[in-house]
């Protein structure tokens, strides 16, 4: 018997004060996707992780299961990537 590798989650780095973060989180939540939300106000060290991923200090940073990412994506950008990954 083999066990399947767990499917990587979508990870989103953001903060409550960020309007784009609230919008993107609402989109992902509304789609019912398994998403790990990393609150940069609660985990200040995670800001370094987000910057290392994106090369920028802008948020939100959305990291997809295939390892690609978006920085400050529009809802259309997120939806297109999710369709590409057949997550929606």
PDB file of N, CA and C in Angstrom:
ATOM      1  N   UNK A   1       0.844  -1.185   0.000  1.00  0.00           N
ATOM      2  CA  UNK A   1       0.000   0.000   0.000  1.00  0.00           C
ATOM      3  C   UNK A   1       0.891   1.251   0.000  1.00  0.00           C
ATOM      4  N   UNK A   2       0.607   2.176  -0.893  1.00  0.00           N
ATOM      5  CA  UNK A   2       1.374   3.414  -0.952  1.00  0.00           C
ATOM      6  C   UNK A   2       0.492   4.560  -0.483  1.00  0.00           C
ATOM      7  N   UNK A   3       1.122   5.529   0.088  1.00  0.00           N
ATOM      8  CA  UNK A   3       0.384   6.716   0.494  1.00  0.00           C
ATOM      9  C   UNK A   3       0.703   7.829  -0.470  1.00  0.00           C
ATOM     10  N   UNK A   4      -0.320   8.558  -0.838  1.00  0.00           N
ATOM     11  CA  UNK A   4      -0.141   9.665  -1.771  1.00  0.00           C
ATOM     12  C   UNK A   4       0.524  10.825  -1.045  1.00  0.00           C
ATOM     13  N   UNK A   5       1.335  11.548  -1.791  1.00  0.00           N
ATOM     14  CA  UNK A   5       1.931  12.763  -1.243  1.00  0.00           C
ATOM     15  C   UNK A   5       0.800  13.760  -0.983  1.00  0.00           C
ATOM     16  N   UNK A   6       0.862  14.489   0.121  1.00  0.00           N
ATOM     17  CA  UNK A   6      -0.172  15.493   0.341  1.00  0.00           C
ATOM     18  C   UNK A   6      -0.088  16.583  -0.720  1.00  0.00           C
ATOM     19  N   UNK A   7      -1.218  17.048  -1.162  1.00  0.00           N
ATOM     20  CA  UNK A   7      -1.250  18.112  -2.149  1.00  0.00           C
ATOM     21  C   UNK A   7      -0.856  19.412  -1.468  1.00  0.00           C
ATOM     22  N   UNK A   8       0.140  20.114  -2.013  1.00  0.00           N
ATOM     23  CA  UNK A   8       0.535  21.382  -1.392  1.00  0.00           C
ATOM     24  C   UNK A   8      -0.632  22.366  -1.403  1.00  0.00           C
ATOM     25  N   UNK A   9      -0.709  23.137  -0.361  1.00  0.00           N
ATOM     26  CA  UNK A   9      -1.748  24.160  -0.249  1.00  0.00           C
ATOM     27  C   UNK A   9      -1.321  25.428  -0.966  1.00  0.00           C
ATOM     28  N   UNK A  10      -2.301  26.254  -1.222  1.00  0.00           N
ATOM     29  CA  UNK A  10      -2.031  27.625  -1.611  1.00  0.00           C
ATOM     30  C   UNK A  10      -1.616  28.337  -0.326  1.00  0.00           C
ATOM     31  N   UNK A  11      -0.579  29.139  -0.408  1.00  0.00           N
ATOM     32  CA  UNK A  11      -0.173  29.956   0.737  1.00  0.00           C
ATOM     33  C   UNK A  11      -0.331  31.418   0.349  1.00  0.00           C
ATOM     34  N   UNK A  12      -0.876  32.184   1.275  1.00  0.00           N
ATOM     35  CA  UNK A  12      -1.047  33.612   1.032  1.00  0.00           C
ATOM     36  C   UNK A  12      -0.464  34.388   2.200  1.00  0.00           C
ATOM     37  N   UNK A  13       0.448  35.290   1.875  1.00  0.00           N
ATOM     38  CA  UNK A  13       1.043  36.178   2.866  1.00  0.00           C
ATOM     39  C   UNK A  13       0.316  37.512   2.768  1.00  0.00           C
ATOM     40  N   UNK A  14      -0.217  37.991   3.878  1.00  0.00           N
ATOM     41  CA  UNK A  14      -0.951  39.249   3.834  1.00  0.00           C
ATOM     42  C   UNK A  14      -1.117  39.867   5.209  1.00  0.00           C
ATOM     43  N   UNK A  15      -1.892  40.943   5.248  1.00  0.00           N
ATOM     44  CA  UNK A  15      -2.165  41.656   6.491  1.00  0.00           C
ATOM     45  C   UNK A  15      -3.581  42.229   6.421  1.00  0.00           C
ATOM     46  N   UNK A  16      -4.213  42.344   7.577  1.00  0.00           N
ATOM     47  CA  UNK A  16      -5.594  42.824   7.644  1.00  0.00           C
ATOM     48  C   UNK A  16      -5.719  44.261   7.148  1.00  0.00           C
ATOM     49  N   UNK A  17      -4.708  45.085   7.343  1.00  0.00           N
ATOM     50  CA  UNK A  17      -4.781  46.487   6.936  1.00  0.00           C
ATOM     51  C   UNK A  17      -4.696  46.671   5.421  1.00  0.00           C
ATOM     52  N   UNK A  18      -4.357  45.606   4.703  1.00  0.00           N
ATOM     53  CA  UNK A  18      -4.146  45.659   3.244  1.00  0.00           C
ATOM     54  C   UNK A  18      -5.434  45.297   2.507  1.00  0.00           C
ATOM     55  N   UNK A  19      -5.990  46.259   1.783  1.00  0.00           N
ATOM     56  CA  UNK A  19      -7.225  46.025   1.043  1.00  0.00           C
ATOM     57  C   UNK A  19      -7.095  44.925  -0.004  1.00  0.00           C
ATOM     58  N   UNK A  20      -5.975  44.893  -0.726  1.00  0.00           N
ATOM     59  CA  UNK A  20      -5.760  43.846  -1.728  1.00  0.00           C
ATOM     60  C   UNK A  20      -5.696  42.469  -1.069  1.00  0.00           C
ATOM     61  N   UNK A  21      -5.107  42.415   0.142  1.00  0.00           N
ATOM     62  CA  UNK A  21      -5.026  41.142   0.872  1.00  0.00           C
ATOM     63  C   UNK A  21      -6.416  40.661   1.263  1.00  0.00           C
ATOM     64  N   UNK A  22      -7.227  41.575   1.793  1.00  0.00           N
ATOM     65  CA  UNK A  22      -8.598  41.198   2.186  1.00  0.00           C
ATOM     66  C   UNK A  22      -9.392  40.703   0.982  1.00  0.00           C
ATOM     67  N   UNK A  23      -9.231  41.384  -0.150  1.00  0.00           N
ATOM     68  CA  UNK A  23      -9.958  40.999  -1.375  1.00  0.00           C
ATOM     69  C   UNK A  23      -9.527  39.622  -1.856  1.00  0.00           C
ATOM     70  N   UNK A  24      -8.221  39.377  -1.914  1.00  0.00           N
ATOM     71  CA  UNK A  24      -7.724  38.092  -2.402  1.00  0.00           C
ATOM     72  C   UNK A  24      -8.090  36.964  -1.444  1.00  0.00           C
ATOM     73  N   UNK A  25      -7.995  37.208  -0.141  1.00  0.00           N
ATOM     74  CA  UNK A  25      -8.376  36.187   0.834  1.00  0.00           C
ATOM     75  C   UNK A  25      -9.863  35.863   0.714  1.00  0.00           C
ATOM     76  N   UNK A  26     -10.688  36.878   0.526  1.00  0.00           N
ATOM     77  CA  UNK A  26     -12.132  36.652   0.356  1.00  0.00           C
ATOM     78  C   UNK A  26     -12.396  35.822  -0.899  1.00  0.00           C
ATOM     79  N   UNK A  27     -11.656  36.070  -1.966  1.00  0.00           N
ATOM     80  CA  UNK A  27     -11.819  35.297  -3.198  1.00  0.00           C
ATOM     81  C   UNK A  27     -11.474  33.828  -2.953  1.00  0.00           C
ATOM     82  N   UNK A  28     -10.324  33.565  -2.333  1.00  0.00           N
ATOM     83  CA  UNK A  28      -9.903  32.185  -2.077  1.00  0.00           C
ATOM     84  C   UNK A  28     -10.872  31.489  -1.116  1.00  0.00           C
ATOM     85  N   UNK A  29     -11.274  32.206  -0.056  1.00  0.00           N
ATOM     86  CA  UNK A  29     -12.235  31.632   0.902  1.00  0.00           C
ATOM     87  C   UNK A  29     -13.564  31.333   0.216  1.00  0.00           C
ATOM     88  N   UNK A  30     -14.012  32.256  -0.638  1.00  0.00           N
ATOM     89  CA  UNK A  30     -15.280  32.085  -1.342  1.00  0.00           C
ATOM     90  C   UNK A  30     -15.276  30.889  -2.282  1.00  0.00           C
ATOM     91  N   UNK A  31     -14.106  30.530  -2.778  1.00  0.00           N
ATOM     92  CA  UNK A  31     -13.984  29.371  -3.664  1.00  0.00           C
ATOM     93  C   UNK A  31     -13.833  28.075  -2.875  1.00  0.00           C
ATOM     94  N   UNK A  32     -13.702  28.194  -1.550  1.00  0.00           N
ATOM     95  CA  UNK A  32     -13.593  27.010  -0.698  1.00  0.00           C
ATOM     96  C   UNK A  32     -12.287  26.257  -0.865  1.00  0.00           C
ATOM     97  N   UNK A  33     -11.231  26.972  -1.248  1.00  0.00           N
ATOM     98  CA  UNK A  33      -9.938  26.321  -1.468  1.00  0.00           C
ATOM     99  C   UNK A  33      -9.164  26.192  -0.162  1.00  0.00           C
ATOM    100  N   UNK A  34      -8.352  25.148  -0.082  1.00  0.00           N
ATOM    101  CA  UNK A  34      -7.504  24.923   1.075  1.00  0.00           C
ATOM    102  C   UNK A  34      -6.340  25.898   0.977  1.00  0.00           C
ATOM    103  N   UNK A  35      -6.356  26.932   1.797  1.00  0.00           N
ATOM    104  CA  UNK A  35      -5.368  27.994   1.721  1.00  0.00           C
ATOM    105  C   UNK A  35      -4.783  28.243   3.101  1.00  0.00           C
ATOM    106  N   UNK A  36      -3.467  28.312   3.161  1.00  0.00           N
ATOM    107  CA  UNK A  36      -2.796  28.680   4.402  1.00  0.00           C
ATOM    108  C   UNK A  36      -2.570  30.187   4.360  1.00  0.00           C
ATOM    109  N   UNK A  37      -3.225  30.896   5.270  1.00  0.00           N
ATOM    110  CA  UNK A  37      -3.083  32.348   5.342  1.00  0.00           C
ATOM    111  C   UNK A  37      -2.020  32.673   6.385  1.00  0.00           C
ATOM    112  N   UNK A  38      -1.004  33.401   5.974  1.00  0.00           N
ATOM    113  CA  UNK A  38       0.061  33.802   6.883  1.00  0.00           C
ATOM    114  C   UNK A  38      -0.092  35.295   7.131  1.00  0.00           C
ATOM    115  N   UNK A  39      -0.494  35.645   8.355  1.00  0.00           N
ATOM    116  CA  UNK A  39      -0.737  37.027   8.740  1.00  0.00           C
ATOM    117  C   UNK A  39       0.590  37.666   9.134  1.00  0.00           C
ATOM    118  N   UNK A  40       1.025  38.619   8.340  1.00  0.00           N
ATOM    119  CA  UNK A  40       2.327  39.234   8.556  1.00  0.00           C
ATOM    120  C   UNK A  40       2.355  40.115   9.805  1.00  0.00           C
ATOM    121  N   UNK A  41       1.194  40.489  10.318  1.00  0.00           N
ATOM    122  CA  UNK A  41       1.162  41.237  11.573  1.00  0.00           C
ATOM    123  C   UNK A  41       1.387  40.300  12.760  1.00  0.00           C
ATOM    124  N   UNK A  42       0.955  39.059  12.643  1.00  0.00           N
ATOM    125  CA  UNK A  42       1.119  38.075  13.703  1.00  0.00           C
ATOM    126  C   UNK A  42       2.467  37.360  13.623  1.00  0.00           C
ATOM    127  N   UNK A  43       2.982  37.201  12.424  1.00  0.00           N
ATOM    128  CA  UNK A  43       4.246  36.496  12.203  1.00  0.00           C
ATOM    129  C   UNK A  43       5.168  37.412  11.411  1.00  0.00           C
ATOM    130  N   UNK A  44       5.842  38.314  12.114  1.00  0.00           N
ATOM    131  CA  UNK A  44       6.652  39.325  11.438  1.00  0.00           C
ATOM    132  C   UNK A  44       7.822  38.715  10.660  1.00  0.00           C
ATOM    133  N   UNK A  45       8.329  37.572  11.098  1.00  0.00           N
ATOM    134  CA  UNK A  45       9.413  36.914  10.363  1.00  0.00           C
ATOM    135  C   UNK A  45       8.950  36.423   8.994  1.00  0.00           C
ATOM    136  N   UNK A  46       7.645  36.184   8.851  1.00  0.00           N
ATOM    137  CA  UNK A  46       7.112  35.716   7.572  1.00  0.00           C
ATOM    138  C   UNK A  46       7.245  36.772   6.483  1.00  0.00           C
ATOM    139  N   UNK A  47       7.380  38.033   6.864  1.00  0.00           N
ATOM    140  CA  UNK A  47       7.593  39.080   5.860  1.00  0.00           C
ATOM    141  C   UNK A  47       8.885  38.826   5.092  1.00  0.00           C
ATOM    142  N   UNK A  48       9.902  38.327   5.789  1.00  0.00           N
ATOM    143  CA  UNK A  48      11.157  37.992   5.109  1.00  0.00           C
ATOM    144  C   UNK A  48      10.951  36.839   4.136  1.00  0.00           C
ATOM    145  N   UNK A  49      10.139  35.865   4.526  1.00  0.00           N
ATOM    146  CA  UNK A  49       9.845  34.730   3.653  1.00  0.00           C
ATOM    147  C   UNK A  49       9.126  35.223   2.401  1.00  0.00           C
ATOM    148  N   UNK A  50       8.113  36.062   2.592  1.00  0.00           N
ATOM    149  CA  UNK A  50       7.356  36.598   1.445  1.00  0.00           C
ATOM    150  C   UNK A  50       8.275  37.395   0.519  1.00  0.00           C
ATOM    151  N   UNK A  51       9.163  38.192   1.102  1.00  0.00           N
ATOM    152  CA  UNK A  51      10.094  38.987   0.287  1.00  0.00           C
ATOM    153  C   UNK A  51      11.069  38.081  -0.464  1.00  0.00           C
ATOM    154  N   UNK A  52      11.525  37.004   0.198  1.00  0.00           N
ATOM    155  CA  UNK A  52      12.427  36.057  -0.472  1.00  0.00           C
ATOM    156  C   UNK A  52      11.737  35.383  -1.654  1.00  0.00           C
ATOM    157  N   UNK A  53      10.451  35.093  -1.507  1.00  0.00           N
ATOM    158  CA  UNK A  53       9.696  34.449  -2.587  1.00  0.00           C
ATOM    159  C   UNK A  53       9.503  35.402  -3.757  1.00  0.00           C
ATOM    160  N   UNK A  54       9.067  36.618  -3.446  1.00  0.00           N
ATOM    161  CA  UNK A  54       8.643  37.535  -4.500  1.00  0.00           C
ATOM    162  C   UNK A  54       9.722  38.506  -4.972  1.00  0.00           C
ATOM    163  N   UNK A  55      10.738  38.726  -4.135  1.00  0.00           N
ATOM    164  CA  UNK A  55      11.741  39.719  -4.479  1.00  0.00           C
ATOM    165  C   UNK A  55      11.251  41.140  -4.272  1.00  0.00           C
ATOM    166  N   UNK A  56      10.096  41.276  -3.620  1.00  0.00           N
ATOM    167  CA  UNK A  56       9.481  42.588  -3.410  1.00  0.00           C
ATOM    168  C   UNK A  56       8.923  42.647  -1.994  1.00  0.00           C
ATOM    169  N   UNK A  57       8.517  43.847  -1.582  1.00  0.00           N
ATOM    170  CA  UNK A  57       7.900  44.000  -0.265  1.00  0.00           C
ATOM    171  C   UNK A  57       6.392  44.182  -0.368  1.00  0.00           C
ATOM    172  N   UNK A  58       5.840  44.137  -1.579  1.00  0.00           N
ATOM    173  CA  UNK A  58       4.400  44.291  -1.776  1.00  0.00           C
ATOM    174  C   UNK A  58       3.660  43.037  -1.335  1.00  0.00           C
ATOM    175  N   UNK A  59       2.424  43.241  -0.862  1.00  0.00           N
ATOM    176  CA  UNK A  59       1.546  42.122  -0.498  1.00  0.00           C
ATOM    177  C   UNK A  59       0.177  42.361  -1.106  1.00  0.00           C
ATOM    178  N   UNK A  60      -0.623  41.329  -1.271  1.00  0.00           N
ATOM    179  CA  UNK A  60      -0.373  39.952  -0.874  1.00  0.00           C
ATOM    180  C   UNK A  60       0.580  39.241  -1.826  1.00  0.00           C
ATOM    181  N   UNK A  61       1.196  38.204  -1.271  1.00  0.00           N
ATOM    182  CA  UNK A  61       1.975  37.262  -2.068  1.00  0.00           C
ATOM    183  C   UNK A  61       1.211  35.946  -1.993  1.00  0.00           C
ATOM    184  N   UNK A  62       0.792  35.448  -3.138  1.00  0.00           N
ATOM    185  CA  UNK A  62       0.058  34.183  -3.218  1.00  0.00           C
ATOM    186  C   UNK A  62       0.980  33.162  -3.866  1.00  0.00           C
ATOM    187  N   UNK A  63       1.238  32.066  -3.148  1.00  0.00           N
ATOM    188  CA  UNK A  63       2.105  30.996  -3.650  1.00  0.00           C
ATOM    189  C   UNK A  63       1.221  29.800  -3.973  1.00  0.00           C
ATOM    190  N   UNK A  64       1.315  29.328  -5.188  1.00  0.00           N
ATOM    191  CA  UNK A  64       0.458  28.234  -5.667  1.00  0.00           C
ATOM    192  C   UNK A  64       1.145  26.880  -5.484  1.00  0.00           C
ATOM    193  N   UNK A  65       0.359  25.805  -5.518  1.00  0.00           N
ATOM    194  CA  UNK A  65       0.933  24.466  -5.318  1.00  0.00           C
ATOM    195  C   UNK A  65       2.048  24.093  -6.297  1.00  0.00           C
ATOM    196  N   UNK A  66       2.080  24.729  -7.475  1.00  0.00           N
ATOM    197  CA  UNK A  66       3.136  24.408  -8.446  1.00  0.00           C
ATOM    198  C   UNK A  66       4.418  25.205  -8.194  1.00  0.00           C
ATOM    199  N   UNK A  67       4.424  26.030  -7.131  1.00  0.00           N
ATOM    200  CA  UNK A  67       5.600  26.809  -6.790  1.00  0.00           C
ATOM    201  C   UNK A  67       5.630  28.206  -7.386  1.00  0.00           C
ATOM    202  N   UNK A  68       4.727  28.496  -8.307  1.00  0.00           N
ATOM    203  CA  UNK A  68       4.662  29.841  -8.869  1.00  0.00           C
ATOM    204  C   UNK A  68       3.989  30.769  -7.870  1.00  0.00           C
ATOM    205  N   UNK A  69       4.072  32.062  -8.132  1.00  0.00           N
ATOM    206  CA  UNK A  69       3.455  33.013  -7.214  1.00  0.00           C
ATOM    207  C   UNK A  69       2.970  34.257  -7.960  1.00  0.00           C
ATOM    208  N   UNK A  70       2.079  34.976  -7.296  1.00  0.00           N
ATOM    209  CA  UNK A  70       1.631  36.294  -7.742  1.00  0.00           C
ATOM    210  C   UNK A  70       1.897  37.280  -6.613  1.00  0.00           C
ATOM    211  N   UNK A  71       2.183  38.521  -6.976  1.00  0.00           N
ATOM    212  CA  UNK A  71       2.280  39.617  -6.016  1.00  0.00           C
ATOM    213  C   UNK A  71       1.210  40.628  -6.386  1.00  0.00           C
ATOM    214  N   UNK A  72       0.384  41.011  -5.428  1.00  0.00           N
ATOM    215  CA  UNK A  72      -0.719  41.944  -5.650  1.00  0.00           C
ATOM    216  C   UNK A  72      -1.564  41.544  -6.864  1.00  0.00           C
ATOM    217  N   UNK A  73      -2.016  40.299  -6.925  1.00  0.00           N
ATOM    218  CA  UNK A  73      -2.767  39.871  -8.104  1.00  0.00           C
ATOM    219  C   UNK A  73      -4.186  40.426  -8.124  1.00  0.00           C
ATOM    220  N   UNK A  74      -4.712  40.585  -9.322  1.00  0.00           N
ATOM    221  CA  UNK A  74      -6.133  40.899  -9.468  1.00  0.00           C
ATOM    222  C   UNK A  74      -6.919  39.600  -9.273  1.00  0.00           C
ATOM    223  N   UNK A  75      -8.221  39.726  -9.060  1.00  0.00           N
ATOM    224  CA  UNK A  75      -9.057  38.525  -8.964  1.00  0.00           C
ATOM    225  C   UNK A  75      -8.987  37.711 -10.252  1.00  0.00           C
ATOM    226  N   UNK A  76      -8.900  38.393 -11.387  1.00  0.00           N
ATOM    227  CA  UNK A  76      -8.807  37.689 -12.666  1.00  0.00           C
ATOM    228  C   UNK A  76      -7.500  36.908 -12.771  1.00  0.00           C
ATOM    229  N   UNK A  77      -6.395  37.491 -12.275  1.00  0.00           N
ATOM    230  CA  UNK A  77      -5.105  36.785 -12.285  1.00  0.00           C
ATOM    231  C   UNK A  77      -5.185  35.505 -11.455  1.00  0.00           C
ATOM    232  N   UNK A  78      -5.758  35.625 -10.257  1.00  0.00           N
ATOM    233  CA  UNK A  78      -5.876  34.465  -9.366  1.00  0.00           C
ATOM    234  C   UNK A  78      -6.755  33.401 -10.013  1.00  0.00           C
ATOM    235  N   UNK A  79      -7.909  33.814 -10.546  1.00  0.00           N
ATOM    236  CA  UNK A  79      -8.828  32.856 -11.155  1.00  0.00           C
ATOM    237  C   UNK A  79      -8.177  32.146 -12.344  1.00  0.00           C
ATOM    238  N   UNK A  80      -7.433  32.887 -13.159  1.00  0.00           N
ATOM    239  CA  UNK A  80      -6.772  32.276 -14.318  1.00  0.00           C
ATOM    240  C   UNK A  80      -5.754  31.227 -13.866  1.00  0.00           C
ATOM    241  N   UNK A  81      -4.987  31.541 -12.832  1.00  0.00           N
ATOM    242  CA  UNK A  81      -3.992  30.583 -12.344  1.00  0.00           C
ATOM    243  C   UNK A  81      -4.674  29.366 -11.750  1.00  0.00           C
ATOM    244  N   UNK A  82      -5.752  29.566 -11.004  1.00  0.00           N
ATOM    245  CA  UNK A  82      -6.469  28.444 -10.407  1.00  0.00           C
ATOM    246  C   UNK A  82      -7.072  27.537 -11.473  1.00  0.00           C
ATOM    247  N   UNK A  83      -7.558  28.153 -12.566  1.00  0.00           N
ATOM    248  CA  UNK A  83      -8.068  27.344 -13.688  1.00  0.00           C
ATOM    249  C   UNK A  83      -6.933  26.557 -14.343  1.00  0.00           C
ATOM    250  N   UNK A  84      -5.782  27.219 -14.531  1.00  0.00           N
ATOM    251  CA  UNK A  84      -4.619  26.543 -15.120  1.00  0.00           C
ATOM    252  C   UNK A  84      -4.216  25.320 -14.298  1.00  0.00           C
ATOM    253  N   UNK A  85      -4.321  25.433 -12.973  1.00  0.00           N
ATOM    254  CA  UNK A  85      -3.964  24.335 -12.083  1.00  0.00           C
ATOM    255  C   UNK A  85      -5.126  23.370 -11.848  1.00  0.00           C
ATOM    256  N   UNK A  86      -6.233  23.617 -12.537  1.00  0.00           N
ATOM    257  CA  UNK A  86      -7.479  22.831 -12.405  1.00  0.00           C
ATOM    258  C   UNK A  86      -7.942  22.741 -10.948  1.00  0.00           C
ATOM    259  N   UNK A  87      -7.801  23.860 -10.232  1.00  0.00           N
ATOM    260  CA  UNK A  87      -8.286  23.920  -8.847  1.00  0.00           C
ATOM    261  C   UNK A  87      -9.701  24.487  -8.792  1.00  0.00           C
ATOM    262  N   UNK A  88     -10.131  25.114  -9.885  1.00  0.00           N
ATOM    263  CA  UNK A  88     -11.522  25.562 -10.007  1.00  0.00           C
ATOM    264  C   UNK A  88     -12.009  25.203 -11.400  1.00  0.00           C
TER     265      UNK A  88
END
